[in-house]
Amino acid sequence: MLDLPQQSPFSFADRVRLPFAFDVARMRADLEAVTEGNWVEHLVRQNYEGDWDVLPLRFTAGATHPVMQIYADPTATAFEDGPALDRTPCFREILARFQCPLQSVRLMRLTPGSVIKEHFDLDLAAEWGTARIHIPITTNPQVEFLLNQRRIVMEPGSAWYLRLSDAHSVANRGTTDRVHLVIDCIANEWLIEQLHWAS
């Protein structure tokens, strides 16, 4: 594992589109397979208005309660796949493409008219060793994702590294759900190479 202290010599843009393109139809079939699963309301209620919920796919080892399964514990060192991954072969293939240690993986759904207020996710920066990848499954042109007050348009099937230790917000002003596959991972040498290559 590449050691990236807070004074890291690496520096990346706050948004990087990674060199991957995933099969949207297969991703949506996987989403349909777990739509009736145990979606959990996002824990930090003060950060949003409307409906923002989470379905855990991979979580802290030993977590049995759904609330603990969606919690991205910054102190956790061991993770395990959840039962929903057994029903989602495309998601498993996507995760296998990432040649870096995976931490929490979840589906995150923002319903029409819902807003995630501007906030920061501490330590989620590749420069500091932990990265978050967003892969849109369903979205619409009226979704407004702002990072450092600049909009990012993410197409279904694309994959994005976002430095979410910076200020960001999301508004779903459309009429359909926005659902992303969200991967937290260790920024090892492989991921650093992807970020450099795509920058």
Protein backbone atom coordinates (compact mmCIF):
# COMPACT_ATOMS: atom_id res chain seq x y z
CA MET A 1 0.00 0.00 0.00
CA LEU A 2 1.25 3.46 -0.88
CA ASP A 3 1.70 5.64 2.18
CA LEU A 4 0.14 9.07 1.52
CA PRO A 5 0.54 11.39 4.51
CA GLN A 6 -1.26 14.71 4.76
CA GLN A 7 1.78 16.43 3.21
CA SER A 8 1.65 14.14 0.20
CA PRO A 9 3.86 14.84 -2.82
CA PHE A 10 0.92 13.83 -5.02
CA SER A 11 -1.62 16.35 -6.17
CA PHE A 12 -4.73 15.75 -8.27
CA ALA A 13 -7.61 17.74 -9.66
CA ASP A 14 -10.71 17.80 -7.48
CA ARG A 15 -12.46 15.69 -10.16
CA VAL A 16 -10.98 13.05 -12.45
CA ARG A 17 -12.92 10.94 -14.94
CA LEU A 18 -11.34 7.51 -14.77
CA PRO A 19 -10.61 5.45 -17.91
CA PHE A 20 -13.53 3.04 -17.43
CA ALA A 21 -16.95 2.66 -19.03
CA PHE A 22 -19.39 0.20 -17.51
CA ASP A 23 -22.44 -1.49 -19.02
CA VAL A 24 -25.40 0.65 -17.98
CA ALA A 25 -28.07 -1.94 -18.83
CA ARG A 26 -26.37 -4.59 -16.70
CA MET A 27 -25.86 -2.12 -13.85
CA ARG A 28 -29.56 -1.22 -13.94
CA ALA A 29 -30.49 -4.91 -13.93
CA ASP A 30 -28.41 -5.33 -10.76
CA LEU A 31 -30.07 -2.27 -9.25
CA GLU A 32 -33.49 -3.72 -10.05
CA ALA A 33 -32.48 -6.98 -8.33
CA VAL A 34 -31.91 -5.16 -5.02
CA THR A 35 -34.42 -2.30 -5.28
CA GLU A 36 -36.63 -3.94 -2.66
CA GLY A 37 -33.66 -4.44 -0.35
CA ASN A 38 -32.76 -2.80 2.95
CA TRP A 39 -32.30 0.83 1.95
CA VAL A 40 -31.43 2.93 4.98
CA GLU A 41 -32.00 6.65 5.41
CA HIS A 42 -28.69 8.51 5.34
CA LEU A 43 -27.44 9.02 8.88
CA VAL A 44 -26.52 12.72 8.75
CA ARG A 45 -30.01 14.18 8.51
CA GLN A 46 -28.86 17.80 8.84
CA ASN A 47 -26.94 17.49 5.56
CA TYR A 48 -29.96 17.00 3.30
CA GLU A 49 -33.60 17.72 2.58
CA GLY A 50 -35.95 15.13 1.09
CA ASP A 51 -34.96 11.49 0.63
CA TRP A 52 -31.36 10.31 0.48
CA ASP A 53 -30.88 6.65 1.27
CA VAL A 54 -28.23 3.98 1.10
CA LEU A 55 -28.06 0.26 0.35
CA PRO A 56 -24.86 -1.37 1.67
CA LEU A 57 -22.96 -3.76 -0.58
CA ARG A 58 -19.69 -3.95 1.37
CA PHE A 59 -19.16 -2.74 4.92
CA THR A 60 -17.13 -2.94 8.10
CA ALA A 61 -16.46 -6.57 9.02
CA GLY A 62 -18.86 -7.84 11.67
CA ALA A 63 -21.46 -5.08 11.19
CA THR A 64 -24.90 -6.66 11.42
CA HIS A 65 -27.25 -3.71 11.96
CA PRO A 66 -28.20 -1.89 8.70
CA VAL A 67 -27.29 1.48 10.23
CA MET A 68 -23.78 0.25 11.04
CA GLN A 69 -23.49 -1.29 7.58
CA ILE A 70 -23.97 2.09 5.87
CA TYR A 71 -21.68 3.94 8.28
CA ALA A 72 -18.29 4.68 6.70
CA ASP A 73 -16.23 4.13 9.84
CA PRO A 74 -12.90 5.95 9.36
CA THR A 75 -11.24 3.72 11.96
CA ALA A 76 -12.27 0.42 10.34
CA THR A 77 -9.50 -1.75 8.91
CA ALA A 78 -11.41 -4.90 7.88
CA PHE A 79 -14.35 -5.06 5.47
CA GLU A 80 -16.60 -7.79 4.08
CA ASP A 81 -19.02 -8.18 1.19
CA GLY A 82 -22.71 -8.09 2.08
CA PRO A 83 -25.41 -10.47 0.81
CA ALA A 84 -26.68 -7.98 -1.79
CA LEU A 85 -23.49 -8.54 -3.79
CA ASP A 86 -24.53 -12.17 -4.31
CA ARG A 87 -27.44 -10.90 -6.43
CA THR A 88 -25.47 -8.31 -8.39
CA PRO A 89 -22.97 -9.94 -10.76
CA CYS A 90 -22.25 -6.73 -12.68
CA PHE A 91 -21.42 -4.84 -9.49
CA ARG A 92 -19.03 -7.64 -8.51
CA GLU A 93 -17.30 -7.38 -11.89
CA ILE A 94 -16.99 -3.61 -11.51
CA LEU A 95 -15.41 -3.95 -8.08
CA ALA A 96 -12.96 -6.51 -9.44
CA ARG A 97 -11.71 -3.91 -11.93
CA PHE A 98 -10.41 -1.77 -9.08
CA GLN A 99 -6.97 -3.13 -8.18
CA CYS A 100 -6.85 -1.36 -4.85
CA PRO A 101 -8.09 -2.30 -1.36
CA LEU A 102 -11.83 -1.71 -1.18
CA GLN A 103 -13.49 -0.36 1.93
CA SER A 104 -17.19 0.55 2.03
CA VAL A 105 -19.24 0.09 -1.13
CA ARG A 106 -22.86 1.14 -1.35
CA LEU A 107 -25.67 2.33 -3.56
CA MET A 108 -26.73 5.90 -2.80
CA ARG A 109 -30.13 7.13 -4.00
CA LEU A 110 -31.35 10.74 -4.14
CA THR A 111 -35.02 11.04 -5.03
CA PRO A 112 -36.58 13.79 -7.17
CA GLY A 113 -36.75 17.15 -5.42
CA SER A 114 -34.18 16.14 -2.78
CA VAL A 115 -31.10 18.19 -1.97
CA ILE A 116 -27.78 17.33 -0.32
CA LYS A 117 -26.55 20.53 1.29
CA GLU A 118 -23.01 21.73 0.87
CA HIS A 119 -20.71 19.83 3.21
CA PHE A 120 -17.25 18.26 3.51
CA ASP A 121 -16.30 14.58 3.95
CA LEU A 122 -13.14 14.73 6.02
CA ASP A 123 -10.10 12.79 4.76
CA LEU A 124 -11.72 11.71 1.47
CA ALA A 125 -8.83 12.78 -0.72
CA ALA A 126 -6.40 10.59 -2.64
CA GLU A 127 -3.60 12.86 -1.48
CA TRP A 128 -4.35 11.69 2.07
CA GLY A 129 -4.70 8.00 1.20
CA THR A 130 -8.44 7.40 0.82
CA ALA A 131 -10.46 7.92 -2.35
CA ARG A 132 -14.16 7.86 -3.17
CA ILE A 133 -15.30 6.77 -6.62
CA HIS A 134 -18.76 7.58 -8.01
CA ILE A 135 -20.30 5.49 -10.81
CA PRO A 136 -23.74 6.77 -11.90
CA ILE A 137 -26.36 4.11 -12.63
CA THR A 138 -29.45 6.29 -13.05
CA THR A 139 -29.48 10.05 -13.31
CA ASN A 140 -31.11 12.86 -15.26
CA PRO A 141 -30.01 16.18 -16.82
CA GLN A 142 -31.51 18.13 -13.92
CA VAL A 143 -29.15 16.62 -11.34
CA GLU A 144 -26.77 19.34 -10.22
CA PHE A 145 -23.61 18.06 -8.51
CA LEU A 146 -21.37 20.91 -7.40
CA LEU A 147 -17.79 20.43 -6.20
CA ASN A 148 -16.02 23.60 -5.13
CA GLN A 149 -19.05 25.41 -6.59
CA ARG A 150 -18.37 24.02 -10.08
CA ARG A 151 -20.78 21.59 -11.68
CA ILE A 152 -19.82 18.04 -12.66
CA VAL A 153 -21.95 16.21 -15.22
CA MET A 154 -21.54 12.46 -14.74
CA GLU A 155 -23.03 10.14 -17.33
CA PRO A 156 -24.37 6.68 -16.46
CA GLY A 157 -21.62 4.08 -16.68
CA SER A 158 -18.78 6.56 -16.20
CA ALA A 159 -16.46 6.45 -13.18
CA TRP A 160 -15.23 9.50 -11.30
CA TYR A 161 -12.76 10.20 -8.56
CA LEU A 162 -14.03 13.20 -6.55
CA ARG A 163 -12.05 14.92 -3.80
CA LEU A 164 -14.93 15.12 -1.36
CA SER A 165 -12.89 16.59 1.45
CA ASP A 166 -13.70 19.75 -0.53
CA ALA A 167 -17.09 21.48 -0.39
CA HIS A 168 -19.77 19.72 -2.43
CA SER A 169 -23.54 19.59 -2.80
CA VAL A 170 -26.14 17.81 -4.94
CA ALA A 171 -29.67 18.71 -6.01
CA ASN A 172 -31.97 16.37 -7.93
CA ARG A 173 -34.26 18.79 -9.74
CA GLY A 174 -35.48 16.13 -12.15
CA THR A 175 -38.32 13.62 -12.02
CA THR A 176 -36.32 10.37 -11.66
CA ASP A 177 -34.06 8.93 -8.97
CA ARG A 178 -30.34 9.52 -9.04
CA VAL A 179 -28.55 6.32 -7.97
CA HIS A 180 -24.75 6.00 -7.83
CA LEU A 181 -22.52 3.08 -7.00
CA VAL A 182 -20.11 4.63 -4.47
CA ILE A 183 -16.77 2.98 -3.73
CA ASP A 184 -14.42 3.98 -0.92
CA CYS A 185 -10.93 2.61 -1.43
CA ILE A 186 -7.29 2.97 -0.50
CA ALA A 187 -5.30 5.18 -2.88
CA ASN A 188 -2.57 2.65 -3.65
CA GLU A 189 -0.02 2.81 -6.48
CA TRP A 190 -2.48 1.39 -9.02
CA LEU A 191 -5.12 4.04 -8.29
CA ILE A 192 -2.51 6.81 -8.27
CA GLU A 193 -1.45 5.66 -11.74
CA GLN A 194 -5.08 5.78 -12.97
CA LEU A 195 -5.49 9.30 -11.63
CA HIS A 196 -2.26 10.47 -13.24
CA TRP A 197 -3.14 8.81 -16.55
CA ALA A 198 -6.65 10.32 -16.66
CA SER A 199 -5.68 13.82 -15.46
